[in-house]
Amino acid sequence: QKASSQAELERTEAMARSTQAQLDLLKVRLDRTVVRAPFSGVLGERSVSLGDYVTTSTPLVTVQTVSPHRAAFQVPERYAERLEVGQQVTFRVAALPGKEFTGRVDFVDPIVQLPARTITVKAQVPNPRRELQAGMFVEVRLATAVRPDAVVIAEDAVLPLQGVTFVWVADSGKASRRQVELGVRTPGFVEARSGVEAGEQVVVAGQERLSEGAPVAPKVMDRSPQGGTEAAQLGGQVADTGEQR
């Protein structure tokens, strides 16, 4: 009788373990019916409806990142040696006039793309107000070199003459024409590598009335150039970083 009771107990315990294993398996299967996004974001287009039969390879819905967003753009291969992760980029979006965004490079493609011979660069851009959307066209400025002591003057001051460029400088109350060597350009400004010194006043209007040594009474105009930064002007898009789930 004792042996029979012991055998019955063992069978009951075995059945309990088997039932628990089946329950655990069903819980795993149930958990797999819940679709979880791999990152936080917003839902886009839905590809299925309630009652549709789906498999593990059926696209259900797209998920888009919101912040940070990612901007992708192409850089000419001549800048290859100056590209690195961590560089700052600033850009404007055609759909959002007057606004400027800032990001950091987090990917530089090691392969030059043909036939344009460009390098794909991507940057992460904070987007807390959700102003940026995937697919937007962006105009990117990527700083490729910094020269803190560069002399930057207004483009309006530069005059071409017979293949050379010069500016008029107000020197001790008199006009002085200087030949200049130009460097990097930024919107509205240009680097003067030689010909003028930091702190000198250049004439930006009325140059046609000047002659060497003519007296001048300059009116100072305050401008804020982005001096010392060599930049590549590029085009690109806010990258579609969404996934189908």
Protein backbone atom coordinates (compact mmCIF):
# COMPACT_ATOMS: atom_id res chain seq x y z
CA GLN A 1 0.00 0.00 0.00
CA LYS A 2 2.84 2.35 0.88
CA ALA A 3 4.62 1.63 -2.42
CA SER A 4 1.40 2.27 -4.34
CA SER A 5 0.89 5.62 -2.61
CA GLN A 6 4.48 6.64 -3.36
CA ALA A 7 4.09 5.76 -7.05
CA GLU A 8 0.83 7.71 -7.23
CA LEU A 9 2.54 10.73 -5.68
CA GLU A 10 5.37 10.59 -8.20
CA ARG A 11 2.90 10.36 -11.10
CA THR A 12 0.97 13.32 -9.74
CA GLU A 13 4.15 15.38 -9.35
CA ALA A 14 5.23 14.47 -12.89
CA MET A 15 1.84 15.54 -14.25
CA ALA A 16 2.11 18.80 -12.31
CA ARG A 17 5.55 19.49 -13.77
CA SER A 18 4.29 18.69 -17.26
CA THR A 19 1.27 20.94 -16.82
CA GLN A 20 3.51 23.76 -15.53
CA ALA A 21 5.81 23.35 -18.54
CA GLN A 22 2.83 23.56 -20.90
CA LEU A 23 1.61 26.67 -19.06
CA ASP A 24 5.03 28.30 -19.34
CA LEU A 25 5.12 27.51 -23.07
CA LEU A 26 1.67 29.03 -23.57
CA LYS A 27 2.75 32.15 -21.68
CA VAL A 28 5.76 32.50 -23.99
CA ARG A 29 3.55 32.12 -27.05
CA LEU A 30 1.08 34.65 -25.66
CA ASP A 31 3.88 37.10 -24.95
CA ARG A 32 5.04 36.76 -28.56
CA THR A 33 1.67 38.00 -29.78
CA VAL A 34 2.50 41.44 -28.36
CA VAL A 35 4.48 43.53 -30.86
CA ARG A 36 6.98 45.84 -29.16
CA ALA A 37 8.76 48.72 -30.88
CA PRO A 38 12.57 48.51 -30.81
CA PHE A 39 12.77 52.26 -30.05
CA SER A 40 10.50 55.09 -28.96
CA GLY A 41 8.76 57.04 -31.70
CA VAL A 42 5.45 57.59 -33.46
CA LEU A 43 3.41 55.17 -35.55
CA GLY A 44 3.07 55.75 -39.26
CA GLU A 45 1.23 53.81 -41.96
CA ARG A 46 -0.58 50.65 -40.82
CA SER A 47 -0.42 47.72 -43.24
CA VAL A 48 -2.96 45.34 -41.63
CA SER A 49 -6.44 45.50 -40.16
CA LEU A 50 -8.20 43.69 -37.33
CA GLY A 51 -8.84 40.08 -38.31
CA ASP A 52 -6.10 39.84 -40.95
CA TYR A 53 -3.94 36.71 -40.92
CA VAL A 54 -0.30 37.59 -40.31
CA THR A 55 2.98 35.75 -39.98
CA THR A 56 6.32 36.67 -38.46
CA SER A 57 7.34 38.26 -41.79
CA THR A 58 4.19 40.36 -42.30
CA PRO A 59 4.79 44.16 -42.04
CA LEU A 60 2.31 45.59 -39.54
CA VAL A 61 3.08 49.29 -39.15
CA THR A 62 5.95 51.74 -39.61
CA VAL A 63 7.60 53.37 -36.61
CA GLN A 64 9.40 56.70 -36.97
CA THR A 65 11.92 58.18 -34.57
CA VAL A 66 11.06 61.67 -33.36
CA SER A 67 14.04 62.96 -31.41
CA PRO A 68 16.82 62.78 -32.21
CA HIS A 69 16.25 62.71 -35.95
CA ARG A 70 18.93 61.82 -38.46
CA ALA A 71 20.07 63.91 -41.42
CA ALA A 72 21.85 62.20 -44.32
CA PHE A 73 23.85 64.11 -46.93
CA GLN A 74 26.62 63.68 -49.49
CA VAL A 75 30.08 65.26 -49.17
CA PRO A 76 32.53 65.61 -52.11
CA GLU A 77 35.48 63.24 -51.83
CA ARG A 78 37.96 66.14 -51.63
CA TYR A 79 36.83 66.60 -48.01
CA ALA A 80 37.44 62.93 -47.13
CA GLU A 81 40.45 63.55 -44.87
CA ARG A 82 38.54 66.19 -42.90
CA LEU A 83 35.49 64.08 -42.07
CA GLU A 84 35.15 62.51 -38.64
CA VAL A 85 32.50 61.44 -36.17
CA GLY A 86 31.60 64.20 -33.72
CA GLN A 87 31.83 67.13 -36.14
CA GLN A 88 29.13 69.77 -35.78
CA VAL A 89 26.72 70.42 -38.63
CA THR A 90 24.21 73.21 -39.06
CA PHE A 91 21.46 73.13 -41.62
CA ARG A 92 18.29 74.76 -42.80
CA VAL A 93 15.13 73.15 -44.09
CA ALA A 94 13.32 74.49 -47.15
CA ALA A 95 9.96 73.78 -45.53
CA LEU A 96 10.89 75.74 -42.37
CA PRO A 97 12.30 79.09 -43.57
CA GLY A 98 14.24 81.15 -41.06
CA LYS A 99 15.03 78.24 -38.75
CA GLU A 100 18.44 76.66 -38.26
CA PHE A 101 19.17 73.28 -36.71
CA THR A 102 22.38 71.86 -35.24
CA GLY A 103 23.55 68.27 -35.00
CA ARG A 104 26.60 66.02 -34.65
CA VAL A 105 28.05 63.61 -37.20
CA ASP A 106 27.65 60.01 -36.05
CA PHE A 107 28.43 58.14 -39.28
CA VAL A 108 30.93 58.60 -42.11
CA ASP A 109 30.76 56.06 -44.94
CA PRO A 110 34.24 54.67 -45.70
CA ILE A 111 33.24 54.10 -49.35
CA VAL A 112 33.15 56.77 -52.07
CA GLN A 113 29.91 56.55 -54.03
CA LEU A 114 30.05 56.54 -57.84
CA PRO A 115 29.50 58.22 -60.25
CA ALA A 116 29.28 61.47 -58.24
CA ARG A 117 32.34 60.53 -56.11
CA THR A 118 30.72 61.59 -52.86
CA ILE A 119 30.76 60.24 -49.31
CA THR A 120 27.60 59.62 -47.32
CA VAL A 121 27.58 61.36 -43.94
CA LYS A 122 24.84 61.14 -41.31
CA ALA A 123 24.23 63.32 -38.27
CA GLN A 124 21.94 63.10 -35.27
CA VAL A 125 19.80 66.19 -34.76
CA PRO A 126 17.71 66.98 -31.66
CA ASN A 127 14.06 67.41 -32.61
CA PRO A 128 12.16 68.01 -29.35
CA ARG A 129 9.39 70.05 -31.02
CA ARG A 130 8.91 67.50 -33.82
CA GLU A 131 9.49 70.12 -36.50
CA LEU A 132 11.65 67.85 -38.64
CA GLN A 133 10.00 65.09 -40.63
CA ALA A 134 11.50 62.22 -42.58
CA GLY A 135 12.17 63.08 -46.23
CA MET A 136 12.57 66.85 -45.79
CA PHE A 137 15.27 68.44 -47.97
CA VAL A 138 18.04 70.13 -45.99
CA GLU A 139 20.88 72.50 -46.86
CA VAL A 140 23.81 71.47 -44.68
CA ARG A 141 26.90 73.34 -43.53
CA LEU A 142 29.63 71.06 -42.22
CA ALA A 143 32.64 72.65 -40.51
CA THR A 144 35.74 70.95 -41.95
CA ALA A 145 38.40 73.24 -40.44
CA VAL A 146 38.62 76.00 -37.84
CA ARG A 147 41.06 78.93 -38.00
CA PRO A 148 40.51 81.14 -34.94
CA ASP A 149 42.76 83.94 -36.27
CA ALA A 150 41.22 84.18 -39.74
CA VAL A 151 40.39 87.66 -41.07
CA VAL A 152 36.84 87.71 -42.45
CA ILE A 153 35.38 90.60 -44.44
CA ALA A 154 32.01 91.33 -46.04
CA GLU A 155 31.61 90.11 -49.62
CA ASP A 156 30.30 93.57 -50.54
CA ALA A 157 33.79 94.96 -49.92
CA VAL A 158 35.46 92.74 -52.54
CA LEU A 159 35.87 94.12 -56.07
CA PRO A 160 37.29 92.15 -59.04
CA LEU A 161 39.63 93.91 -61.45
CA GLN A 162 41.49 92.30 -64.37
CA GLY A 163 41.65 88.87 -62.80
CA VAL A 164 42.55 90.02 -59.28
CA THR A 165 40.49 91.12 -56.30
CA PHE A 166 40.93 94.15 -54.11
CA VAL A 167 39.20 96.12 -51.37
CA TRP A 168 39.18 99.74 -50.31
CA VAL A 169 40.43 100.33 -46.76
CA ALA A 170 39.83 103.45 -44.67
CA ASP A 171 43.37 104.14 -43.45
CA SER A 172 43.84 107.24 -41.25
CA GLY A 173 40.89 108.97 -42.91
CA LYS A 174 42.06 108.24 -46.45
CA ALA A 175 41.10 105.58 -49.00
CA SER A 176 43.70 102.92 -49.73
CA ARG A 177 43.22 100.20 -52.35
CA ARG A 178 44.56 96.78 -51.32
CA GLN A 179 44.90 93.63 -53.37
CA VAL A 180 43.62 90.68 -51.37
CA GLU A 181 43.88 86.91 -51.56
CA LEU A 182 40.55 85.30 -50.77
CA GLY A 183 39.93 82.06 -48.93
CA VAL A 184 36.84 80.31 -47.65
CA ARG A 185 33.44 81.84 -48.30
CA THR A 186 30.41 81.79 -46.04
CA PRO A 187 27.05 83.44 -46.79
CA GLY A 188 27.77 87.18 -47.01
CA PHE A 189 31.40 86.93 -45.95
CA VAL A 190 34.77 85.78 -47.24
CA GLU A 191 38.14 85.08 -45.68
CA ALA A 192 40.94 87.52 -46.56
CA ARG A 193 44.19 85.55 -46.38
CA SER A 194 46.33 88.57 -47.22
CA GLY A 195 45.98 92.29 -47.94
CA VAL A 196 44.11 93.42 -44.83
CA GLU A 197 44.69 93.04 -41.12
CA ALA A 198 42.26 92.33 -38.31
CA GLY A 199 40.68 95.55 -37.05
CA GLU A 200 41.05 97.53 -40.28
CA GLN A 201 37.94 99.11 -41.79
CA VAL A 202 36.95 98.06 -45.31
CA VAL A 203 34.51 99.97 -47.50
CA VAL A 204 31.33 98.07 -48.42
CA ALA A 205 29.44 100.77 -50.36
CA GLY A 206 30.28 103.72 -52.60
CA GLN A 207 33.60 102.27 -53.80
CA GLU A 208 33.00 103.64 -57.32
CA ARG A 209 33.50 107.18 -56.00
CA LEU A 210 36.84 106.46 -54.35
CA SER A 211 40.37 107.05 -55.55
CA GLU A 212 43.74 106.39 -53.94
CA GLY A 213 44.32 108.82 -51.07
CA ALA A 214 40.84 110.37 -51.24
CA PRO A 215 39.53 111.54 -47.85
CA VAL A 216 36.86 109.30 -46.36
CA ALA A 217 34.57 109.61 -43.36
CA PRO A 218 33.49 106.00 -42.82
CA LYS A 219 30.26 105.07 -41.14
CA VAL A 220 30.81 101.86 -39.19
CA MET A 221 28.39 99.01 -39.95
CA ASP A 222 28.22 96.23 -37.38
CA ARG A 223 28.22 92.78 -38.95
CA SER A 224 28.68 89.34 -37.41
CA PRO A 225 30.59 86.99 -39.71
CA GLN A 226 31.20 83.35 -38.89
CA GLY A 227 34.93 83.91 -38.93
CA GLY A 228 37.50 81.15 -38.85
CA THR A 229 35.27 78.30 -39.97
CA GLU A 230 35.87 76.50 -43.23
CA ALA A 231 32.66 74.81 -44.26
CA ALA A 232 31.28 72.61 -46.97
CA GLN A 233 27.90 73.69 -48.35
CA LEU A 234 25.90 70.54 -49.00
CA GLY A 235 22.46 69.22 -49.72
CA GLY A 236 20.72 66.25 -48.16
CA GLN A 237 17.60 64.91 -46.52
CA VAL A 238 16.24 64.21 -43.09
CA ALA A 239 16.76 60.46 -43.13
CA ASP A 240 13.87 58.05 -42.81
CA THR A 241 14.96 56.09 -39.75
CA GLY A 242 11.68 54.23 -39.37
CA GLU A 243 11.24 50.48 -39.34
CA GLN A 244 8.42 48.21 -40.37
CA ARG A 245 7.12 46.00 -37.61
